Amino acid sequence: MIAERSTTVRAGAETLEARLAVPPGARLGVVVSHPHPLYGGDMDNPVVARIVEVCAARGLATLRFNFRGVGASTGRHEGGRGEQDDIRASLALLEETLGGGARLALAGYSFGAAVAAAVAATSPVAGLAVVAPPLRITEMQLPTGIAGPVLVVVGAEDQYCPPAALETMHAQLPSATVVVVEGTDHFFFGSLAALGDAVGSWADALLAA
């Protein structure tokens, strides 16, 4: 796997710490966003790291970052509003890095999934991976016009994503592939391999699109 290097993302007045990996010749990249900052979420989260690892192993460029107010990123938490700007700025940096004509996708975990979905609803992306969407506590803005693959991954025992809410979400995103990982909850303890399998299939579909 190509080693990540430290970089920064300029998001308006804020400077975000980030890590970037660009395999030679990469024309497809994924921005990966982390869980809720007020509950310990950051870009070193094991689920975020697994998503990055799986995508990079397939030759995709990856950019993960700390939302504003997290780690060395400046600013403060804005409840998902300013965080959308953080993702858009990260997409812009990755596009600049890969050059014109590159295809960009989004992946996010929990809070990061909700923010990524909101950005995908207003910005063109090549695909979207939504991991453990917190549907019990967050009303998500869902994209409807993504031409590429859309993935939703949840644990069968997810405390924040009840089955009824997941069914409603799938009805609103009928083209999405929904993967329910048995024997795990919102945090995927002991199930990162199964999560990686689902994300890997999504990454393969991105490459084939």
N, C-alpha and C. Protein backbone atom coordinates (compact mmCIF):
# COMPACT_ATOMS: atom_id res chain seq x y z
N MET A 1 0.85 -1.20 0.00
CA MET A 1 0.00 0.00 0.00
C MET A 1 0.88 1.24 0.00
N ILE A 2 0.50 2.25 -0.78
CA ILE A 2 1.25 3.50 -0.83
C ILE A 2 1.15 4.20 0.52
N ALA A 3 2.27 4.65 1.04
CA ALA A 3 2.28 5.31 2.34
C ALA A 3 1.57 6.66 2.25
N GLU A 4 0.83 6.98 3.30
CA GLU A 4 0.20 8.29 3.37
C GLU A 4 1.25 9.34 3.77
N ARG A 5 1.00 10.56 3.33
CA ARG A 5 1.83 11.68 3.78
C ARG A 5 0.94 12.73 4.41
N SER A 6 1.48 13.44 5.36
CA SER A 6 0.73 14.50 6.02
C SER A 6 0.57 15.68 5.08
N THR A 7 -0.60 16.31 5.14
CA THR A 7 -0.86 17.51 4.35
C THR A 7 -1.88 18.35 5.10
N THR A 8 -2.26 19.47 4.52
CA THR A 8 -3.30 20.31 5.11
C THR A 8 -4.32 20.66 4.05
N VAL A 9 -5.54 20.88 4.50
CA VAL A 9 -6.65 21.29 3.63
C VAL A 9 -7.13 22.65 4.09
N ARG A 10 -7.23 23.58 3.18
CA ARG A 10 -7.78 24.89 3.51
C ARG A 10 -9.28 24.88 3.27
N ALA A 11 -10.05 25.07 4.34
CA ALA A 11 -11.51 25.10 4.26
C ALA A 11 -11.98 26.47 4.76
N GLY A 12 -12.05 27.42 3.85
CA GLY A 12 -12.37 28.78 4.25
C GLY A 12 -11.28 29.33 5.15
N ALA A 13 -11.68 29.75 6.35
CA ALA A 13 -10.71 30.29 7.30
C ALA A 13 -9.99 29.21 8.09
N GLU A 14 -10.40 27.97 7.93
CA GLU A 14 -9.84 26.88 8.73
C GLU A 14 -8.78 26.10 7.98
N THR A 15 -7.86 25.55 8.75
CA THR A 15 -6.82 24.68 8.22
C THR A 15 -6.99 23.30 8.84
N LEU A 16 -7.17 22.29 8.02
CA LEU A 16 -7.46 20.94 8.49
C LEU A 16 -6.23 20.05 8.30
N GLU A 17 -5.90 19.30 9.34
CA GLU A 17 -4.83 18.32 9.16
C GLU A 17 -5.39 17.11 8.42
N ALA A 18 -4.56 16.54 7.57
CA ALA A 18 -5.05 15.46 6.70
C ALA A 18 -3.89 14.53 6.36
N ARG A 19 -4.26 13.38 5.79
CA ARG A 19 -3.28 12.43 5.26
C ARG A 19 -3.71 12.04 3.85
N LEU A 20 -2.75 12.03 2.95
CA LEU A 20 -3.00 11.82 1.53
C LEU A 20 -2.12 10.69 1.02
N ALA A 21 -2.70 9.81 0.22
CA ALA A 21 -1.94 8.77 -0.46
C ALA A 21 -2.36 8.74 -1.92
N VAL A 22 -1.38 8.81 -2.82
CA VAL A 22 -1.68 8.84 -4.24
C VAL A 22 -0.82 7.81 -4.96
N PRO A 23 -1.39 6.65 -5.29
CA PRO A 23 -0.64 5.66 -6.07
C PRO A 23 -0.29 6.20 -7.45
N PRO A 24 0.79 5.75 -8.05
CA PRO A 24 1.16 6.22 -9.38
C PRO A 24 0.03 5.99 -10.39
N GLY A 25 -0.29 7.03 -11.13
CA GLY A 25 -1.29 6.91 -12.18
C GLY A 25 -2.73 6.92 -11.71
N ALA A 26 -2.97 7.15 -10.42
CA ALA A 26 -4.34 7.13 -9.90
C ALA A 26 -5.19 8.20 -10.56
N ARG A 27 -6.38 7.80 -11.04
CA ARG A 27 -7.33 8.74 -11.62
C ARG A 27 -8.67 8.70 -10.88
N LEU A 28 -8.69 8.00 -9.79
CA LEU A 28 -9.88 7.88 -8.97
C LEU A 28 -9.47 8.06 -7.52
N GLY A 29 -10.17 8.91 -6.80
CA GLY A 29 -9.83 9.17 -5.41
C GLY A 29 -11.04 9.15 -4.50
N VAL A 30 -10.80 8.89 -3.22
CA VAL A 30 -11.86 8.82 -2.22
C VAL A 30 -11.50 9.70 -1.03
N VAL A 31 -12.40 10.58 -0.66
CA VAL A 31 -12.28 11.35 0.57
C VAL A 31 -13.06 10.63 1.66
N VAL A 32 -12.40 10.37 2.79
CA VAL A 32 -13.00 9.58 3.87
C VAL A 32 -13.16 10.46 5.11
N SER A 33 -14.37 10.48 5.67
CA SER A 33 -14.64 11.34 6.82
C SER A 33 -15.01 10.53 8.05
N HIS A 34 -14.67 11.07 9.21
CA HIS A 34 -14.68 10.33 10.47
C HIS A 34 -15.94 10.56 11.31
N PRO A 35 -16.09 9.78 12.39
CA PRO A 35 -17.28 9.91 13.24
C PRO A 35 -17.28 11.18 14.10
N HIS A 36 -18.29 11.29 14.95
CA HIS A 36 -18.62 12.56 15.62
C HIS A 36 -17.47 13.11 16.45
N PRO A 37 -17.07 14.36 16.17
CA PRO A 37 -15.95 14.96 16.91
C PRO A 37 -16.19 15.10 18.40
N LEU A 38 -17.43 15.29 18.81
CA LEU A 38 -17.70 15.51 20.23
C LEU A 38 -17.71 14.21 21.03
N TYR A 39 -17.57 13.08 20.36
CA TYR A 39 -17.54 11.78 21.03
C TYR A 39 -16.26 11.01 20.70
N GLY A 40 -15.20 11.76 20.44
CA GLY A 40 -13.90 11.14 20.24
C GLY A 40 -13.57 10.77 18.82
N GLY A 41 -14.41 11.12 17.87
CA GLY A 41 -14.15 10.75 16.48
C GLY A 41 -13.01 11.55 15.87
N ASP A 42 -12.13 10.85 15.16
CA ASP A 42 -11.07 11.52 14.40
C ASP A 42 -10.63 10.61 13.26
N MET A 43 -9.66 11.10 12.48
CA MET A 43 -9.28 10.36 11.28
C MET A 43 -8.48 9.10 11.58
N ASP A 44 -8.10 8.89 12.84
CA ASP A 44 -7.40 7.67 13.22
C ASP A 44 -8.35 6.57 13.68
N ASN A 45 -9.65 6.82 13.62
CA ASN A 45 -10.63 5.81 13.99
C ASN A 45 -10.39 4.52 13.20
N PRO A 46 -10.50 3.34 13.83
CA PRO A 46 -10.21 2.08 13.14
C PRO A 46 -11.08 1.83 11.90
N VAL A 47 -12.33 2.25 11.94
CA VAL A 47 -13.19 2.07 10.76
C VAL A 47 -12.71 2.94 9.61
N VAL A 48 -12.37 4.19 9.91
CA VAL A 48 -11.83 5.09 8.89
C VAL A 48 -10.54 4.51 8.31
N ALA A 49 -9.66 4.04 9.19
CA ALA A 49 -8.39 3.47 8.74
C ALA A 49 -8.62 2.26 7.84
N ARG A 50 -9.62 1.43 8.17
CA ARG A 50 -9.91 0.25 7.35
C ARG A 50 -10.42 0.65 5.97
N ILE A 51 -11.28 1.65 5.90
CA ILE A 51 -11.77 2.12 4.61
C ILE A 51 -10.61 2.61 3.75
N VAL A 52 -9.72 3.40 4.35
CA VAL A 52 -8.56 3.91 3.62
C VAL A 52 -7.69 2.76 3.14
N GLU A 53 -7.43 1.81 4.00
CA GLU A 53 -6.57 0.68 3.67
C GLU A 53 -7.11 -0.11 2.48
N VAL A 54 -8.40 -0.39 2.51
CA VAL A 54 -9.01 -1.19 1.45
C VAL A 54 -9.00 -0.44 0.12
N CYS A 55 -9.33 0.84 0.14
CA CYS A 55 -9.34 1.62 -1.10
C CYS A 55 -7.92 1.76 -1.67
N ALA A 56 -6.96 2.04 -0.81
CA ALA A 56 -5.58 2.21 -1.26
C ALA A 56 -5.03 0.92 -1.85
N ALA A 57 -5.43 -0.22 -1.28
CA ALA A 57 -4.95 -1.51 -1.78
C ALA A 57 -5.40 -1.76 -3.21
N ARG A 58 -6.45 -1.08 -3.65
CA ARG A 58 -6.95 -1.23 -5.01
C ARG A 58 -6.45 -0.13 -5.94
N GLY A 59 -5.52 0.67 -5.46
CA GLY A 59 -4.93 1.70 -6.30
C GLY A 59 -5.67 3.01 -6.33
N LEU A 60 -6.64 3.20 -5.43
CA LEU A 60 -7.34 4.47 -5.36
C LEU A 60 -6.54 5.46 -4.50
N ALA A 61 -6.54 6.71 -4.91
CA ALA A 61 -5.98 7.76 -4.05
C ALA A 61 -6.94 7.97 -2.88
N THR A 62 -6.40 8.27 -1.71
CA THR A 62 -7.23 8.47 -0.52
C THR A 62 -6.81 9.75 0.19
N LEU A 63 -7.80 10.42 0.76
CA LEU A 63 -7.57 11.59 1.60
C LEU A 63 -8.47 11.47 2.81
N ARG A 64 -7.88 11.34 3.98
CA ARG A 64 -8.64 11.42 5.22
C ARG A 64 -8.19 12.66 5.98
N PHE A 65 -9.07 13.21 6.78
CA PHE A 65 -8.78 14.49 7.41
C PHE A 65 -9.50 14.57 8.74
N ASN A 66 -9.08 15.49 9.58
CA ASN A 66 -9.80 15.80 10.81
C ASN A 66 -10.71 16.99 10.57
N PHE A 67 -11.98 16.81 10.89
CA PHE A 67 -12.92 17.93 10.81
C PHE A 67 -12.42 19.10 11.66
N ARG A 68 -12.93 20.27 11.36
CA ARG A 68 -12.58 21.48 12.11
C ARG A 68 -12.76 21.26 13.62
N GLY A 69 -11.76 21.71 14.37
CA GLY A 69 -11.82 21.57 15.82
C GLY A 69 -11.32 20.25 16.35
N VAL A 70 -10.87 19.36 15.47
CA VAL A 70 -10.39 18.04 15.89
C VAL A 70 -8.88 17.96 15.68
N GLY A 71 -8.16 17.44 16.67
CA GLY A 71 -6.71 17.31 16.55
C GLY A 71 -6.07 18.66 16.29
N ALA A 72 -5.25 18.73 15.24
CA ALA A 72 -4.57 19.98 14.89
C ALA A 72 -5.37 20.84 13.92
N SER A 73 -6.59 20.42 13.57
CA SER A 73 -7.43 21.24 12.69
C SER A 73 -7.97 22.43 13.46
N THR A 74 -7.94 23.58 12.84
CA THR A 74 -8.42 24.80 13.50
C THR A 74 -9.94 24.86 13.49
N GLY A 75 -10.49 25.82 14.20
CA GLY A 75 -11.93 26.02 14.25
C GLY A 75 -12.60 25.23 15.35
N ARG A 76 -13.91 25.11 15.25
CA ARG A 76 -14.68 24.36 16.24
C ARG A 76 -15.83 23.64 15.56
N HIS A 77 -16.38 22.68 16.26
CA HIS A 77 -17.47 21.87 15.73
C HIS A 77 -18.67 22.75 15.37
N GLU A 78 -19.28 22.47 14.20
CA GLU A 78 -20.41 23.28 13.74
C GLU A 78 -21.65 22.45 13.43
N GLY A 79 -21.75 21.29 14.04
CA GLY A 79 -22.98 20.51 13.94
C GLY A 79 -23.26 19.95 12.56
N GLY A 80 -22.24 19.84 11.72
CA GLY A 80 -22.42 19.29 10.39
C GLY A 80 -22.48 20.33 9.29
N ARG A 81 -22.67 21.60 9.64
CA ARG A 81 -22.78 22.63 8.60
C ARG A 81 -21.40 22.99 8.05
N GLY A 82 -20.53 23.50 8.91
CA GLY A 82 -19.18 23.80 8.46
C GLY A 82 -18.43 22.56 8.02
N GLU A 83 -18.79 21.42 8.59
CA GLU A 83 -18.12 20.17 8.23
C GLU A 83 -18.38 19.78 6.77
N GLN A 84 -19.52 20.20 6.22
CA GLN A 84 -19.74 19.97 4.79
C GLN A 84 -18.70 20.74 3.96
N ASP A 85 -18.38 21.95 4.41
CA ASP A 85 -17.34 22.72 3.73
C ASP A 85 -15.98 22.02 3.84
N ASP A 86 -15.75 21.36 4.97
CA ASP A 86 -14.49 20.62 5.13
C ASP A 86 -14.37 19.52 4.08
N ILE A 87 -15.47 18.81 3.84
CA ILE A 87 -15.44 17.75 2.83
C ILE A 87 -15.29 18.33 1.43
N ARG A 88 -16.00 19.41 1.14
CA ARG A 88 -15.87 20.02 -0.19
C ARG A 88 -14.44 20.51 -0.43
N ALA A 89 -13.83 21.08 0.58
CA ALA A 89 -12.44 21.54 0.43
C ALA A 89 -11.50 20.35 0.24
N SER A 90 -11.79 19.25 0.89
CA SER A 90 -10.96 18.05 0.73
C SER A 90 -11.12 17.48 -0.67
N LEU A 91 -12.34 17.48 -1.19
CA LEU A 91 -12.55 17.05 -2.58
C LEU A 91 -11.76 17.93 -3.54
N ALA A 92 -11.78 19.24 -3.30
CA ALA A 92 -11.07 20.16 -4.18
C ALA A 92 -9.58 19.90 -4.17
N LEU A 93 -9.02 19.63 -2.98
CA LEU A 93 -7.59 19.35 -2.89
C LEU A 93 -7.25 18.04 -3.60
N LEU A 94 -8.08 17.03 -3.43
CA LEU A 94 -7.80 15.75 -4.07
C LEU A 94 -7.91 15.88 -5.59
N GLU A 95 -8.89 16.64 -6.06
CA GLU A 95 -9.03 16.86 -7.50
C GLU A 95 -7.81 17.59 -8.04
N GLU A 96 -7.35 18.60 -7.33
CA GLU A 96 -6.16 19.34 -7.76
C GLU A 96 -4.94 18.42 -7.79
N THR A 97 -4.85 17.53 -6.82
CA THR A 97 -3.71 16.62 -6.75
C THR A 97 -3.71 15.63 -7.90
N LEU A 98 -4.88 15.11 -8.24
CA LEU A 98 -4.97 14.09 -9.29
C LEU A 98 -5.01 14.68 -10.69
N GLY A 99 -5.41 15.93 -10.80
CA GLY A 99 -5.46 16.57 -12.10
C GLY A 99 -6.83 16.49 -12.73
N GLY A 100 -7.02 17.28 -13.77
CA GLY A 100 -8.32 17.34 -14.43
C GLY A 100 -8.77 15.99 -14.97
N GLY A 101 -10.06 15.76 -14.89
CA GLY A 101 -10.63 14.51 -15.38
C GLY A 101 -10.66 13.39 -14.37
N ALA A 102 -10.08 13.61 -13.19
CA ALA A 102 -10.12 12.57 -12.16
C ALA A 102 -11.54 12.41 -11.63
N ARG A 103 -11.84 11.20 -11.20
CA ARG A 103 -13.15 10.90 -10.60
C ARG A 103 -12.98 10.81 -9.09
N LEU A 104 -13.94 11.39 -8.37
CA LEU A 104 -13.84 11.47 -6.92
C LEU A 104 -15.09 10.88 -6.27
N ALA A 105 -14.88 10.15 -5.19
CA ALA A 105 -15.97 9.54 -4.44
C ALA A 105 -15.84 9.92 -2.97
N LEU A 106 -16.90 9.68 -2.22
CA LEU A 106 -16.94 9.98 -0.79
C LEU A 106 -17.24 8.72 0.00
N ALA A 107 -16.62 8.62 1.17
CA ALA A 107 -16.95 7.57 2.13
C ALA A 107 -16.95 8.21 3.51
N GLY A 108 -17.86 7.78 4.36
CA GLY A 108 -17.92 8.34 5.70
C GLY A 108 -18.49 7.34 6.68
N TYR A 109 -18.10 7.52 7.92
CA TYR A 109 -18.53 6.63 9.00
C TYR A 109 -19.31 7.43 10.04
N SER A 110 -20.52 6.96 10.35
CA SER A 110 -21.37 7.55 11.39
C SER A 110 -21.65 9.02 11.08
N PHE A 111 -21.28 9.94 11.96
CA PHE A 111 -21.44 11.38 11.68
C PHE A 111 -20.83 11.73 10.33
N GLY A 112 -19.66 11.19 10.06
CA GLY A 112 -19.01 11.44 8.77
C GLY A 112 -19.82 10.94 7.60
N ALA A 113 -20.57 9.86 7.79
CA ALA A 113 -21.44 9.35 6.73
C ALA A 113 -22.58 10.32 6.45
N ALA A 114 -23.16 10.88 7.50
CA ALA A 114 -24.26 11.84 7.33
C ALA A 114 -23.78 13.09 6.61
N VAL A 115 -22.60 13.58 6.97
CA VAL A 115 -22.07 14.78 6.32
C VAL A 115 -21.70 14.48 4.87
N ALA A 116 -21.09 13.33 4.63
CA ALA A 116 -20.72 12.95 3.26
C ALA A 116 -21.96 12.83 2.38
N ALA A 117 -23.04 12.24 2.91
CA ALA A 117 -24.26 12.10 2.12
C ALA A 117 -24.84 13.47 1.77
N ALA A 118 -24.79 14.41 2.73
CA ALA A 118 -25.30 15.75 2.46
C ALA A 118 -24.50 16.43 1.37
N VAL A 119 -23.18 16.25 1.37
CA VAL A 119 -22.34 16.84 0.32
C VAL A 119 -22.65 16.18 -1.02
N ALA A 120 -22.82 14.86 -1.01
CA ALA A 120 -23.11 14.14 -2.25
C ALA A 120 -24.45 14.55 -2.84
N ALA A 121 -25.35 15.06 -2.00
CA ALA A 121 -26.65 15.50 -2.49
C ALA A 121 -26.57 16.80 -3.26
N THR A 122 -25.45 17.53 -3.11
CA THR A 122 -25.33 18.83 -3.76
C THR A 122 -24.08 18.95 -4.63
N SER A 123 -23.19 17.99 -4.56
CA SER A 123 -21.95 18.04 -5.34
C SER A 123 -21.81 16.75 -6.14
N PRO A 124 -21.37 16.83 -7.40
CA PRO A 124 -21.24 15.60 -8.20
C PRO A 124 -20.09 14.74 -7.70
N VAL A 125 -20.37 13.48 -7.43
CA VAL A 125 -19.35 12.52 -7.02
C VAL A 125 -19.56 11.22 -7.78
N ALA A 126 -18.48 10.44 -7.85
CA ALA A 126 -18.52 9.20 -8.63
C ALA A 126 -19.11 8.04 -7.84
N GLY A 127 -19.25 8.19 -6.54
CA GLY A 127 -19.80 7.12 -5.71
C GLY A 127 -19.84 7.57 -4.27
N LEU A 128 -20.55 6.79 -3.46
CA LEU A 128 -20.73 7.13 -2.05
C LEU A 128 -20.80 5.85 -1.22
N ALA A 129 -20.01 5.81 -0.14
CA ALA A 129 -20.08 4.71 0.82
C ALA A 129 -20.50 5.27 2.17
N VAL A 130 -21.63 4.80 2.66
CA VAL A 130 -22.20 5.26 3.92
C VAL A 130 -22.07 4.12 4.93
N VAL A 131 -21.24 4.31 5.93
CA VAL A 131 -20.98 3.28 6.92
C VAL A 131 -21.62 3.68 8.24
N ALA A 132 -22.51 2.83 8.75
CA ALA A 132 -23.20 3.03 10.03
C ALA A 132 -23.88 4.39 10.12
N PRO A 133 -24.79 4.70 9.20
CA PRO A 133 -25.48 5.99 9.27
C PRO A 133 -26.29 6.09 10.58
N PRO A 134 -26.14 7.18 11.32
CA PRO A 134 -26.81 7.30 12.63
C PRO A 134 -28.26 7.75 12.49
N LEU A 135 -29.09 6.92 11.87
CA LEU A 135 -30.45 7.33 11.50
C LEU A 135 -31.36 7.54 12.70
N ARG A 136 -31.03 6.93 13.83
CA ARG A 136 -31.87 7.11 15.01
C ARG A 136 -31.79 8.54 15.55
N ILE A 137 -30.65 9.20 15.35
CA ILE A 137 -30.43 10.51 15.96
C ILE A 137 -30.21 11.62 14.95
N THR A 138 -30.13 11.28 13.67
CA THR A 138 -29.84 12.28 12.64
C THR A 138 -30.77 12.11 11.46
N GLU A 139 -31.36 13.21 11.02
CA GLU A 139 -32.15 13.18 9.79
C GLU A 139 -31.20 13.46 8.63
N MET A 140 -30.92 12.44 7.85
CA MET A 140 -29.92 12.56 6.81
C MET A 140 -30.49 13.13 5.53
N GLN A 141 -29.70 13.97 4.89
CA GLN A 141 -30.00 14.45 3.54
C GLN A 141 -29.41 13.46 2.57
N LEU A 142 -30.26 12.85 1.76
CA LEU A 142 -29.80 11.76 0.90
C LEU A 142 -29.68 12.20 -0.55
N PRO A 143 -28.60 11.77 -1.22
CA PRO A 143 -28.45 12.09 -2.64
C PRO A 143 -29.33 11.18 -3.50
N THR A 144 -29.77 11.68 -4.62
CA THR A 144 -30.62 10.87 -5.50
C THR A 144 -30.05 10.73 -6.90
N GLY A 145 -29.01 11.51 -7.22
CA GLY A 145 -28.55 11.53 -8.61
C GLY A 145 -27.15 10.99 -8.82
N ILE A 146 -26.65 10.15 -7.92
CA ILE A 146 -25.30 9.62 -8.10
C ILE A 146 -25.32 8.54 -9.17
N ALA A 147 -24.48 8.72 -10.18
CA ALA A 147 -24.46 7.75 -11.28
C ALA A 147 -23.66 6.50 -10.91
N GLY A 148 -22.70 6.63 -10.00
CA GLY A 148 -21.84 5.52 -9.63
C GLY A 148 -22.40 4.72 -8.47
N PRO A 149 -21.62 3.77 -7.97
CA PRO A 149 -22.10 2.87 -6.92
C PRO A 149 -22.30 3.56 -5.58
N VAL A 150 -23.36 3.15 -4.91
CA VAL A 150 -23.67 3.64 -3.56
C VAL A 150 -23.75 2.44 -2.63
N LEU A 151 -23.05 2.52 -1.52
CA LEU A 151 -22.99 1.44 -0.55
C LEU A 151 -23.47 1.93 0.80
N VAL A 152 -24.27 1.09 1.47
CA VAL A 152 -24.66 1.34 2.87
C VAL A 152 -24.27 0.09 3.66
N VAL A 153 -23.45 0.26 4.69
CA VAL A 153 -23.01 -0.85 5.53
C VAL A 153 -23.40 -0.58 6.97
N VAL A 154 -24.07 -1.53 7.60
CA VAL A 154 -24.46 -1.39 9.00
C VAL A 154 -24.23 -2.71 9.73
N GLY A 155 -24.02 -2.61 11.03
CA GLY A 155 -24.00 -3.80 11.86
C GLY A 155 -25.42 -4.22 12.18
N ALA A 156 -25.65 -5.52 12.27
CA ALA A 156 -27.00 -6.02 12.54
C ALA A 156 -27.52 -5.54 13.89
N GLU A 157 -26.61 -5.20 14.80
CA GLU A 157 -27.01 -4.76 16.15
C GLU A 157 -26.70 -3.28 16.37
N ASP A 158 -26.67 -2.51 15.29
CA ASP A 158 -26.33 -1.08 15.39
C ASP A 158 -27.35 -0.34 16.25
N GLN A 159 -26.86 0.29 17.32
CA GLN A 159 -27.73 1.01 18.24
C GLN A 159 -28.34 2.27 17.63
N TYR A 160 -27.69 2.80 16.60
CA TYR A 160 -28.09 4.09 16.05
C TYR A 160 -28.71 3.98 14.66
N CYS A 161 -28.91 2.75 14.20
CA CYS A 161 -29.50 2.55 12.88
C CYS A 161 -30.52 1.42 12.94
N PRO A 162 -31.73 1.69 13.47
CA PRO A 162 -32.74 0.64 13.59
C PRO A 162 -33.18 0.12 12.23
N PRO A 163 -33.60 -1.15 12.16
CA PRO A 163 -33.98 -1.75 10.87
C PRO A 163 -35.03 -0.95 10.10
N ALA A 164 -36.03 -0.42 10.80
CA ALA A 164 -37.09 0.32 10.10
C ALA A 164 -36.53 1.56 9.41
N ALA A 165 -35.62 2.24 10.09
CA ALA A 165 -35.01 3.44 9.50
C ALA A 165 -34.13 3.06 8.32
N LEU A 166 -33.44 1.93 8.43
CA LEU A 166 -32.61 1.47 7.33
C LEU A 166 -33.47 1.13 6.11
N GLU A 167 -34.62 0.49 6.34
CA GLU A 167 -35.52 0.17 5.24
C GLU A 167 -36.03 1.44 4.55
N THR A 168 -36.35 2.45 5.35
CA THR A 168 -36.80 3.72 4.77
C THR A 168 -35.70 4.36 3.94
N MET A 169 -34.47 4.32 4.46
CA MET A 169 -33.35 4.87 3.72
C MET A 169 -33.15 4.14 2.40
N HIS A 170 -33.24 2.82 2.43
CA HIS A 170 -33.05 2.04 1.21
C HIS A 170 -34.15 2.36 0.20
N ALA A 171 -35.36 2.60 0.67
CA ALA A 171 -36.44 2.95 -0.24
C ALA A 171 -36.16 4.27 -0.94
N GLN A 172 -35.47 5.17 -0.24
CA GLN A 172 -35.12 6.47 -0.82
C GLN A 172 -33.88 6.38 -1.71
N LEU A 173 -33.07 5.32 -1.49
CA LEU A 173 -31.88 5.08 -2.31
C LEU A 173 -31.96 3.67 -2.89
N PRO A 174 -32.90 3.42 -3.78
CA PRO A 174 -33.13 2.03 -4.24
C PRO A 174 -31.94 1.43 -4.98
N SER A 175 -31.06 2.26 -5.53
CA SER A 175 -29.91 1.72 -6.25
C SER A 175 -28.76 1.33 -5.33
N ALA A 176 -28.87 1.66 -4.06
CA ALA A 176 -27.78 1.38 -3.12
C ALA A 176 -27.67 -0.11 -2.83
N THR A 177 -26.46 -0.56 -2.65
CA THR A 177 -26.20 -1.90 -2.13
C THR A 177 -26.15 -1.80 -0.61
N VAL A 178 -27.02 -2.54 0.07
CA VAL A 178 -27.07 -2.51 1.54
C VAL A 178 -26.46 -3.81 2.07
N VAL A 179 -25.45 -3.68 2.92
CA VAL A 179 -24.79 -4.83 3.52
C VAL A 179 -24.99 -4.75 5.03
N VAL A 180 -25.59 -5.79 5.60
CA VAL A 180 -25.78 -5.88 7.04
C VAL A 180 -24.79 -6.91 7.58
N VAL A 181 -23.90 -6.47 8.45
CA VAL A 181 -22.87 -7.33 8.99
C VAL A 181 -23.38 -7.94 10.30
N GLU A 182 -23.53 -9.24 10.31
CA GLU A 182 -24.06 -9.93 11.49
C GLU A 182 -23.04 -9.92 12.64
N GLY A 183 -23.58 -9.92 13.85
CA GLY A 183 -22.75 -10.07 15.03
C GLY A 183 -21.96 -8.85 15.44
N THR A 184 -22.36 -7.68 14.95
CA THR A 184 -21.63 -6.48 15.35
C THR A 184 -22.60 -5.31 15.45
N ASP A 185 -22.11 -4.21 16.06
CA ASP A 185 -22.97 -3.05 16.27
C ASP A 185 -22.38 -1.84 15.54
N HIS A 186 -22.65 -0.66 16.06
CA HIS A 186 -22.26 0.59 15.40
C HIS A 186 -20.75 0.72 15.23
N PHE A 187 -19.99 0.02 16.06
CA PHE A 187 -18.55 0.25 16.12
C PHE A 187 -17.72 -0.81 15.40
N PHE A 188 -18.33 -1.87 14.93
CA PHE A 188 -17.67 -2.90 14.13
C PHE A 188 -16.51 -3.58 14.85
N PHE A 189 -16.58 -3.65 16.19
CA PHE A 189 -15.53 -4.36 16.93
C PHE A 189 -15.50 -5.81 16.48
N GLY A 190 -14.33 -6.30 16.10
CA GLY A 190 -14.20 -7.68 15.66
C GLY A 190 -14.72 -7.95 14.28
N SER A 191 -15.21 -6.93 13.58
CA SER A 191 -15.83 -7.15 12.26
C SER A 191 -15.24 -6.24 11.19
N LEU A 192 -14.03 -5.76 11.41
CA LEU A 192 -13.42 -4.89 10.41
C LEU A 192 -13.13 -5.62 9.11
N ALA A 193 -12.89 -6.94 9.19
CA ALA A 193 -12.65 -7.70 7.96
C ALA A 193 -13.90 -7.73 7.10
N ALA A 194 -15.06 -7.97 7.71
CA ALA A 194 -16.32 -7.98 6.95
C ALA A 194 -16.63 -6.60 6.40
N LEU A 195 -16.37 -5.57 7.19
CA LEU A 195 -16.54 -4.21 6.70
C LEU A 195 -15.65 -3.98 5.49
N GLY A 196 -14.40 -4.42 5.58
CA GLY A 196 -13.47 -4.25 4.48
C GLY A 196 -13.91 -4.96 3.22
N ASP A 197 -14.52 -6.13 3.38
CA ASP A 197 -15.02 -6.86 2.21
C ASP A 197 -16.10 -6.05 1.48
N ALA A 198 -17.00 -5.44 2.26
CA ALA A 198 -18.07 -4.65 1.66
C ALA A 198 -17.51 -3.41 0.96
N VAL A 199 -16.61 -2.72 1.62
CA VAL A 199 -16.00 -1.53 1.03
C VAL A 199 -15.17 -1.90 -0.19
N GLY A 200 -14.50 -3.04 -0.13
CA GLY A 200 -13.70 -3.49 -1.26
C GLY A 200 -14.55 -3.74 -2.50
N SER A 201 -15.71 -4.35 -2.31
CA SER A 201 -16.61 -4.57 -3.44
C SER A 201 -17.08 -3.25 -4.04
N TRP A 202 -17.35 -2.29 -3.16
CA TRP A 202 -17.74 -0.94 -3.61
C TRP A 202 -16.61 -0.30 -4.41
N ALA A 203 -15.38 -0.40 -3.90
CA ALA A 203 -14.23 0.18 -4.60
C ALA A 203 -14.03 -0.49 -5.96
N ASP A 204 -14.22 -1.80 -6.02
CA ASP A 204 -14.13 -2.50 -7.31
C ASP A 204 -15.18 -1.99 -8.29
N ALA A 205 -16.39 -1.72 -7.79
CA ALA A 205 -17.44 -1.19 -8.67
C ALA A 205 -17.10 0.21 -9.14
N LEU A 206 -16.48 1.02 -8.28
CA LEU A 206 -16.03 2.34 -8.70
C LEU A 206 -15.04 2.22 -9.85
N LEU A 207 -14.09 1.33 -9.71
CA LEU A 207 -13.06 1.16 -10.73
C LEU A 207 -13.65 0.66 -12.05
N ALA A 208 -14.69 -0.15 -11.94
CA ALA A 208 -15.30 -0.72 -13.15
C ALA A 208 -16.27 0.23 -13.83
N ALA A 209 -16.71 1.24 -13.12
CA ALA A 209 -17.74 2.15 -13.66
C ALA A 209 -17.19 2.97 -14.83
